[in-house]
Amino acid sequence: MSSNPIEQALAVIEKGHQLAGHFPSKAMMDRARRVLDGRLTAADAEAEMNRELACIVARERVSRKALKGV
């Protein structure tokens, strides 16, 4: 295992997610790295996730409307 504390923390985060049946994307792991190394605050990370979620919701709404023929 790496002696770098950030790399160790990332390995623990990734493994914890995997054990729960989740597989974090590169973007998710990059966000965790930026929080751990101080380039991103927790509040900014949350804002990033909320923007990404809003995009997913918008795409789903468009898809559902298309399926319904609206």
PDB file of N, CA and C in Angstrom:
ATOM      1  N   MET A   1       0.853  -1.178   0.000  1.00  0.00           N
ATOM      2  CA  MET A   1       0.000   0.000   0.000  1.00  0.00           C
ATOM      3  C   MET A   1       0.895   1.235   0.000  1.00  0.00           C
ATOM      4  N   SER A   2       0.413   2.299  -0.618  1.00  0.00           N
ATOM      5  CA  SER A   2       1.157   3.545  -0.737  1.00  0.00           C
ATOM      6  C   SER A   2       1.358   4.187   0.627  1.00  0.00           C
ATOM      7  N   SER A   3       2.464   4.905   0.769  1.00  0.00           N
ATOM      8  CA  SER A   3       2.704   5.637   2.013  1.00  0.00           C
ATOM      9  C   SER A   3       2.067   7.024   1.953  1.00  0.00           C
ATOM     10  N   ASN A   4       1.524   7.392   0.798  1.00  0.00           N
ATOM     11  CA  ASN A   4       0.865   8.675   0.636  1.00  0.00           C
ATOM     12  C   ASN A   4      -0.501   8.614   1.319  1.00  0.00           C
ATOM     13  N   PRO A   5      -0.749   9.468   2.320  1.00  0.00           N
ATOM     14  CA  PRO A   5      -2.023   9.393   3.058  1.00  0.00           C
ATOM     15  C   PRO A   5      -3.248   9.650   2.184  1.00  0.00           C
ATOM     16  N   ILE A   6      -3.126  10.494   1.174  1.00  0.00           N
ATOM     17  CA  ILE A   6      -4.273  10.750   0.297  1.00  0.00           C
ATOM     18  C   ILE A   6      -4.585   9.503  -0.530  1.00  0.00           C
ATOM     19  N   GLU A   7      -3.542   8.861  -1.054  1.00  0.00           N
ATOM     20  CA  GLU A   7      -3.753   7.630  -1.827  1.00  0.00           C
ATOM     21  C   GLU A   7      -4.350   6.533  -0.943  1.00  0.00           C
ATOM     22  N   GLN A   8      -3.892   6.455   0.303  1.00  0.00           N
ATOM     23  CA  GLN A   8      -4.448   5.464   1.229  1.00  0.00           C
ATOM     24  C   GLN A   8      -5.923   5.744   1.494  1.00  0.00           C
ATOM     25  N   ALA A   9      -6.263   7.010   1.711  1.00  0.00           N
ATOM     26  CA  ALA A   9      -7.661   7.376   1.971  1.00  0.00           C
ATOM     27  C   ALA A   9      -8.530   7.064   0.755  1.00  0.00           C
ATOM     28  N   LEU A  10      -8.018   7.360  -0.437  1.00  0.00           N
ATOM     29  CA  LEU A  10      -8.771   7.063  -1.648  1.00  0.00           C
ATOM     30  C   LEU A  10      -8.996   5.566  -1.816  1.00  0.00           C
ATOM     31  N   ALA A  11      -7.982   4.771  -1.485  1.00  0.00           N
ATOM     32  CA  ALA A  11      -8.124   3.313  -1.577  1.00  0.00           C
ATOM     33  C   ALA A  11      -9.204   2.818  -0.619  1.00  0.00           C
ATOM     34  N   VAL A  12      -9.241   3.379   0.571  1.00  0.00           N
ATOM     35  CA  VAL A  12     -10.255   2.987   1.559  1.00  0.00           C
ATOM     36  C   VAL A  12     -11.647   3.406   1.076  1.00  0.00           C
ATOM     37  N   ILE A  13     -11.755   4.622   0.541  1.00  0.00           N
ATOM     38  CA  ILE A  13     -13.040   5.099   0.030  1.00  0.00           C
ATOM     39  C   ILE A  13     -13.538   4.189  -1.091  1.00  0.00           C
ATOM     40  N   GLU A  14     -12.647   3.895  -2.038  1.00  0.00           N
ATOM     41  CA  GLU A  14     -13.042   3.066  -3.173  1.00  0.00           C
ATOM     42  C   GLU A  14     -13.435   1.659  -2.726  1.00  0.00           C
ATOM     43  N   LYS A  15     -12.653   1.070  -1.858  1.00  0.00           N
ATOM     44  CA  LYS A  15     -12.948  -0.291  -1.398  1.00  0.00           C
ATOM     45  C   LYS A  15     -14.250  -0.323  -0.604  1.00  0.00           C
ATOM     46  N   GLY A  16     -14.472   0.677   0.224  1.00  0.00           N
ATOM     47  CA  GLY A  16     -15.723   0.742   0.987  1.00  0.00           C
ATOM     48  C   GLY A  16     -16.934   0.781   0.079  1.00  0.00           C
ATOM     49  N   HIS A  17     -16.844   1.580  -0.973  1.00  0.00           N
ATOM     50  CA  HIS A  17     -17.938   1.644  -1.943  1.00  0.00           C
ATOM     51  C   HIS A  17     -18.120   0.297  -2.638  1.00  0.00           C
ATOM     52  N   GLN A  18     -17.014  -0.321  -3.035  1.00  0.00           N
ATOM     53  CA  GLN A  18     -17.088  -1.610  -3.727  1.00  0.00           C
ATOM     54  C   GLN A  18     -17.735  -2.668  -2.836  1.00  0.00           C
ATOM     55  N   LEU A  19     -17.365  -2.677  -1.575  1.00  0.00           N
ATOM     56  CA  LEU A  19     -17.936  -3.660  -0.654  1.00  0.00           C
ATOM     57  C   LEU A  19     -19.438  -3.457  -0.467  1.00  0.00           C
ATOM     58  N   ALA A  20     -19.890  -2.225  -0.678  1.00  0.00           N
ATOM     59  CA  ALA A  20     -21.322  -1.928  -0.578  1.00  0.00           C
ATOM     60  C   ALA A  20     -22.034  -2.145  -1.913  1.00  0.00           C
ATOM     61  N   GLY A  21     -21.282  -2.609  -2.929  1.00  0.00           N
ATOM     62  CA  GLY A  21     -21.880  -2.879  -4.223  1.00  0.00           C
ATOM     63  C   GLY A  21     -21.919  -1.681  -5.150  1.00  0.00           C
ATOM     64  N   HIS A  22     -21.154  -0.647  -4.824  1.00  0.00           N
ATOM     65  CA  HIS A  22     -21.098   0.558  -5.648  1.00  0.00           C
ATOM     66  C   HIS A  22     -19.716   0.650  -6.273  1.00  0.00           C
ATOM     67  N   PHE A  23     -19.653   1.217  -7.438  1.00  0.00           N
ATOM     68  CA  PHE A  23     -18.380   1.321  -8.135  1.00  0.00           C
ATOM     69  C   PHE A  23     -18.184   2.765  -8.567  1.00  0.00           C
ATOM     70  N   PRO A  24     -17.451   3.536  -7.751  1.00  0.00           N
ATOM     71  CA  PRO A  24     -17.289   4.962  -8.033  1.00  0.00           C
ATOM     72  C   PRO A  24     -16.586   5.210  -9.369  1.00  0.00           C
ATOM     73  N   SER A  25     -17.072   6.225 -10.067  1.00  0.00           N
ATOM     74  CA  SER A  25     -16.486   6.602 -11.352  1.00  0.00           C
ATOM     75  C   SER A  25     -15.177   7.366 -11.132  1.00  0.00           C
ATOM     76  N   LYS A  26     -14.461   7.575 -12.232  1.00  0.00           N
ATOM     77  CA  LYS A  26     -13.234   8.375 -12.153  1.00  0.00           C
ATOM     78  C   LYS A  26     -13.556   9.777 -11.648  1.00  0.00           C
ATOM     79  N   ALA A  27     -14.667  10.336 -12.099  1.00  0.00           N
ATOM     80  CA  ALA A  27     -15.063  11.683 -11.663  1.00  0.00           C
ATOM     81  C   ALA A  27     -15.319  11.718 -10.160  1.00  0.00           C
ATOM     82  N   MET A  28     -15.956  10.684  -9.646  1.00  0.00           N
ATOM     83  CA  MET A  28     -16.226  10.620  -8.209  1.00  0.00           C
ATOM     84  C   MET A  28     -14.926  10.533  -7.406  1.00  0.00           C
ATOM     85  N   MET A  29     -14.026   9.704  -7.884  1.00  0.00           N
ATOM     86  CA  MET A  29     -12.754   9.545  -7.171  1.00  0.00           C
ATOM     87  C   MET A  29     -11.909  10.817  -7.295  1.00  0.00           C
ATOM     88  N   ASP A  30     -11.996  11.490  -8.431  1.00  0.00           N
ATOM     89  CA  ASP A  30     -11.282  12.757  -8.588  1.00  0.00           C
ATOM     90  C   ASP A  30     -11.833  13.790  -7.614  1.00  0.00           C
ATOM     91  N   ARG A  31     -13.152  13.831  -7.448  1.00  0.00           N
ATOM     92  CA  ARG A  31     -13.755  14.769  -6.511  1.00  0.00           C
ATOM     93  C   ARG A  31     -13.279  14.464  -5.094  1.00  0.00           C
ATOM     94  N   ALA A  32     -13.234  13.199  -4.733  1.00  0.00           N
ATOM     95  CA  ALA A  32     -12.746  12.824  -3.399  1.00  0.00           C
ATOM     96  C   ALA A  32     -11.296  13.252  -3.222  1.00  0.00           C
ATOM     97  N   ARG A  33     -10.471  13.043  -4.254  1.00  0.00           N
ATOM     98  CA  ARG A  33      -9.059  13.449  -4.189  1.00  0.00           C
ATOM     99  C   ARG A  33      -8.941  14.959  -3.964  1.00  0.00           C
ATOM    100  N   ARG A  34      -9.747  15.738  -4.696  1.00  0.00           N
ATOM    101  CA  ARG A  34      -9.672  17.193  -4.568  1.00  0.00           C
ATOM    102  C   ARG A  34     -10.128  17.668  -3.198  1.00  0.00           C
ATOM    103  N   VAL A  35     -11.086  16.968  -2.594  1.00  0.00           N
ATOM    104  CA  VAL A  35     -11.491  17.316  -1.226  1.00  0.00           C
ATOM    105  C   VAL A  35     -10.365  16.968  -0.263  1.00  0.00           C
ATOM    106  N   LEU A  36      -9.804  15.786  -0.418  1.00  0.00           N
ATOM    107  CA  LEU A  36      -8.740  15.350   0.490  1.00  0.00           C
ATOM    108  C   LEU A  36      -7.492  16.217   0.401  1.00  0.00           C
ATOM    109  N   ASP A  37      -7.160  16.692  -0.810  1.00  0.00           N
ATOM    110  CA  ASP A  37      -5.934  17.491  -0.918  1.00  0.00           C
ATOM    111  C   ASP A  37      -6.184  18.992  -0.757  1.00  0.00           C
ATOM    112  N   GLY A  38      -7.432  19.365  -0.499  1.00  0.00           N
ATOM    113  CA  GLY A  38      -7.741  20.752  -0.177  1.00  0.00           C
ATOM    114  C   GLY A  38      -8.062  21.645  -1.365  1.00  0.00           C
ATOM    115  N   ARG A  39      -8.089  21.092  -2.567  1.00  0.00           N
ATOM    116  CA  ARG A  39      -8.421  21.909  -3.740  1.00  0.00           C
ATOM    117  C   ARG A  39      -9.914  22.181  -3.845  1.00  0.00           C
ATOM    118  N   LEU A  40     -10.719  21.423  -3.106  1.00  0.00           N
ATOM    119  CA  LEU A  40     -12.171  21.540  -3.185  1.00  0.00           C
ATOM    120  C   LEU A  40     -12.730  21.420  -1.779  1.00  0.00           C
ATOM    121  N   THR A  41     -13.631  22.327  -1.432  1.00  0.00           N
ATOM    122  CA  THR A  41     -14.276  22.222  -0.125  1.00  0.00           C
ATOM    123  C   THR A  41     -15.404  21.195  -0.195  1.00  0.00           C
ATOM    124  N   ALA A  42     -15.833  20.737   0.959  1.00  0.00           N
ATOM    125  CA  ALA A  42     -16.958  19.799   0.996  1.00  0.00           C
ATOM    126  C   ALA A  42     -18.204  20.449   0.395  1.00  0.00           C
ATOM    127  N   ALA A  43     -18.412  21.738   0.668  1.00  0.00           N
ATOM    128  CA  ALA A  43     -19.575  22.441   0.127  1.00  0.00           C
ATOM    129  C   ALA A  43     -19.502  22.527  -1.400  1.00  0.00           C
ATOM    130  N   ASP A  44     -18.311  22.792  -1.922  1.00  0.00           N
ATOM    131  CA  ASP A  44     -18.154  22.851  -3.379  1.00  0.00           C
ATOM    132  C   ASP A  44     -18.335  21.472  -4.011  1.00  0.00           C
ATOM    133  N   ALA A  45     -17.877  20.438  -3.331  1.00  0.00           N
ATOM    134  CA  ALA A  45     -18.068  19.074  -3.827  1.00  0.00           C
ATOM    135  C   ALA A  45     -19.559  18.741  -3.870  1.00  0.00           C
ATOM    136  N   GLU A  46     -20.273  19.144  -2.840  1.00  0.00           N
ATOM    137  CA  GLU A  46     -21.720  18.908  -2.812  1.00  0.00           C
ATOM    138  C   GLU A  46     -22.409  19.658  -3.955  1.00  0.00           C
ATOM    139  N   ALA A  47     -21.968  20.882  -4.210  1.00  0.00           N
ATOM    140  CA  ALA A  47     -22.551  21.663  -5.310  1.00  0.00           C
ATOM    141  C   ALA A  47     -22.279  20.975  -6.652  1.00  0.00           C
ATOM    142  N   GLU A  48     -21.082  20.439  -6.835  1.00  0.00           N
ATOM    143  CA  GLU A  48     -20.764  19.698  -8.062  1.00  0.00           C
ATOM    144  C   GLU A  48     -21.702  18.507  -8.234  1.00  0.00           C
ATOM    145  N   MET A  49     -21.879  17.754  -7.145  1.00  0.00           N
ATOM    146  CA  MET A  49     -22.752  16.578  -7.214  1.00  0.00           C
ATOM    147  C   MET A  49     -24.189  16.976  -7.514  1.00  0.00           C
ATOM    148  N   ASN A  50     -24.645  18.075  -6.915  1.00  0.00           N
ATOM    149  CA  ASN A  50     -26.013  18.532  -7.170  1.00  0.00           C
ATOM    150  C   ASN A  50     -26.194  18.950  -8.619  1.00  0.00           C
ATOM    151  N   ARG A  51     -25.191  19.620  -9.212  1.00  0.00           N
ATOM    152  CA  ARG A  51     -25.281  19.992 -10.628  1.00  0.00           C
ATOM    153  C   ARG A  51     -25.332  18.748 -11.511  1.00  0.00           C
ATOM    154  N   GLU A  52     -24.485  17.766 -11.199  1.00  0.00           N
ATOM    155  CA  GLU A  52     -24.488  16.529 -11.984  1.00  0.00           C
ATOM    156  C   GLU A  52     -25.823  15.807 -11.861  1.00  0.00           C
ATOM    157  N   LEU A  53     -26.365  15.761 -10.666  1.00  0.00           N
ATOM    158  CA  LEU A  53     -27.663  15.117 -10.457  1.00  0.00           C
ATOM    159  C   LEU A  53     -28.766  15.852 -11.212  1.00  0.00           C
ATOM    160  N   ALA A  54     -28.719  17.177 -11.208  1.00  0.00           N
ATOM    161  CA  ALA A  54     -29.723  17.961 -11.932  1.00  0.00           C
ATOM    162  C   ALA A  54     -29.677  17.644 -13.430  1.00  0.00           C
ATOM    163  N   CYS A  55     -28.483  17.451 -13.975  1.00  0.00           N
ATOM    164  CA  CYS A  55     -28.349  17.085 -15.396  1.00  0.00           C
ATOM    165  C   CYS A  55     -28.956  15.709 -15.662  1.00  0.00           C
ATOM    166  N   ILE A  56     -28.720  14.774 -14.763  1.00  0.00           N
ATOM    167  CA  ILE A  56     -29.283  13.430 -14.914  1.00  0.00           C
ATOM    168  C   ILE A  56     -30.807  13.486 -14.873  1.00  0.00           C
ATOM    169  N   VAL A  57     -31.349  14.231 -13.925  1.00  0.00           N
ATOM    170  CA  VAL A  57     -32.803  14.354 -13.796  1.00  0.00           C
ATOM    171  C   VAL A  57     -33.394  14.993 -15.050  1.00  0.00           C
ATOM    172  N   ALA A  58     -32.747  16.031 -15.561  1.00  0.00           N
ATOM    173  CA  ALA A  58     -33.247  16.699 -16.772  1.00  0.00           C
ATOM    174  C   ALA A  58     -33.248  15.737 -17.956  1.00  0.00           C
ATOM    175  N   ARG A  59     -32.177  14.960 -18.121  1.00  0.00           N
ATOM    176  CA  ARG A  59     -32.127  13.981 -19.219  1.00  0.00           C
ATOM    177  C   ARG A  59     -33.233  12.945 -19.079  1.00  0.00           C
ATOM    178  N   GLU A  60     -33.464  12.480 -17.864  1.00  0.00           N
ATOM    179  CA  GLU A  60     -34.516  11.482 -17.636  1.00  0.00           C
ATOM    180  C   GLU A  60     -35.891  12.050 -17.967  1.00  0.00           C
ATOM    181  N   ARG A  61     -36.108  13.296 -17.606  1.00  0.00           N
ATOM    182  CA  ARG A  61     -37.403  13.915 -17.913  1.00  0.00           C
ATOM    183  C   ARG A  61     -37.623  14.001 -19.410  1.00  0.00           C
ATOM    184  N   VAL A  62     -36.578  14.382 -20.136  1.00  0.00           N
ATOM    185  CA  VAL A  62     -36.682  14.461 -21.596  1.00  0.00           C
ATOM    186  C   VAL A  62     -36.952  13.070 -22.167  1.00  0.00           C
ATOM    187  N   SER A  63     -36.245  12.074 -21.674  1.00  0.00           N
ATOM    188  CA  SER A  63     -36.437  10.701 -22.158  1.00  0.00           C
ATOM    189  C   SER A  63     -37.848  10.215 -21.893  1.00  0.00           C
ATOM    190  N   ARG A  64     -38.356  10.487 -20.727  1.00  0.00           N
ATOM    191  CA  ARG A  64     -39.715  10.033 -20.393  1.00  0.00           C
ATOM    192  C   ARG A  64     -40.766  10.727 -21.243  1.00  0.00           C
ATOM    193  N   LYS A  65     -40.554  12.022 -21.497  1.00  0.00           N
ATOM    194  CA  LYS A  65     -41.500  12.743 -22.360  1.00  0.00           C
ATOM    195  C   LYS A  65     -41.475  12.155 -23.765  1.00  0.00           C
ATOM    196  N   ALA A  66     -40.292  11.833 -24.249  1.00  0.00           N
ATOM    197  CA  ALA A  66     -40.166  11.251 -25.595  1.00  0.00           C
ATOM    198  C   ALA A  66     -40.873   9.901 -25.664  1.00  0.00           C
ATOM    199  N   LEU A  67     -40.756   9.113 -24.609  1.00  0.00           N
ATOM    200  CA  LEU A  67     -41.405   7.811 -24.585  1.00  0.00           C
ATOM    201  C   LEU A  67     -42.929   7.934 -24.562  1.00  0.00           C
ATOM    202  N   LYS A  68     -43.406   8.974 -23.890  1.00  0.00           N
ATOM    203  CA  LYS A  68     -44.844   9.181 -23.811  1.00  0.00           C
ATOM    204  C   LYS A  68     -45.382   9.881 -25.047  1.00  0.00           C
ATOM    205  N   GLY A  69     -44.497  10.400 -25.874  1.00  0.00           N
ATOM    206  CA  GLY A  69     -44.919  11.091 -27.080  1.00  0.00           C
ATOM    207  C   GLY A  69     -45.410  12.502 -26.810  1.00  0.00           C
ATOM    208  N   VAL A  70     -44.954  13.066 -25.716  1.00  0.00           N
ATOM    209  CA  VAL A  70     -45.385  14.438 -25.356  1.00  0.00           C
ATOM    210  C   VAL A  70     -44.430  15.433 -25.946  1.00  0.00           C
TER     211      VAL A  70
END
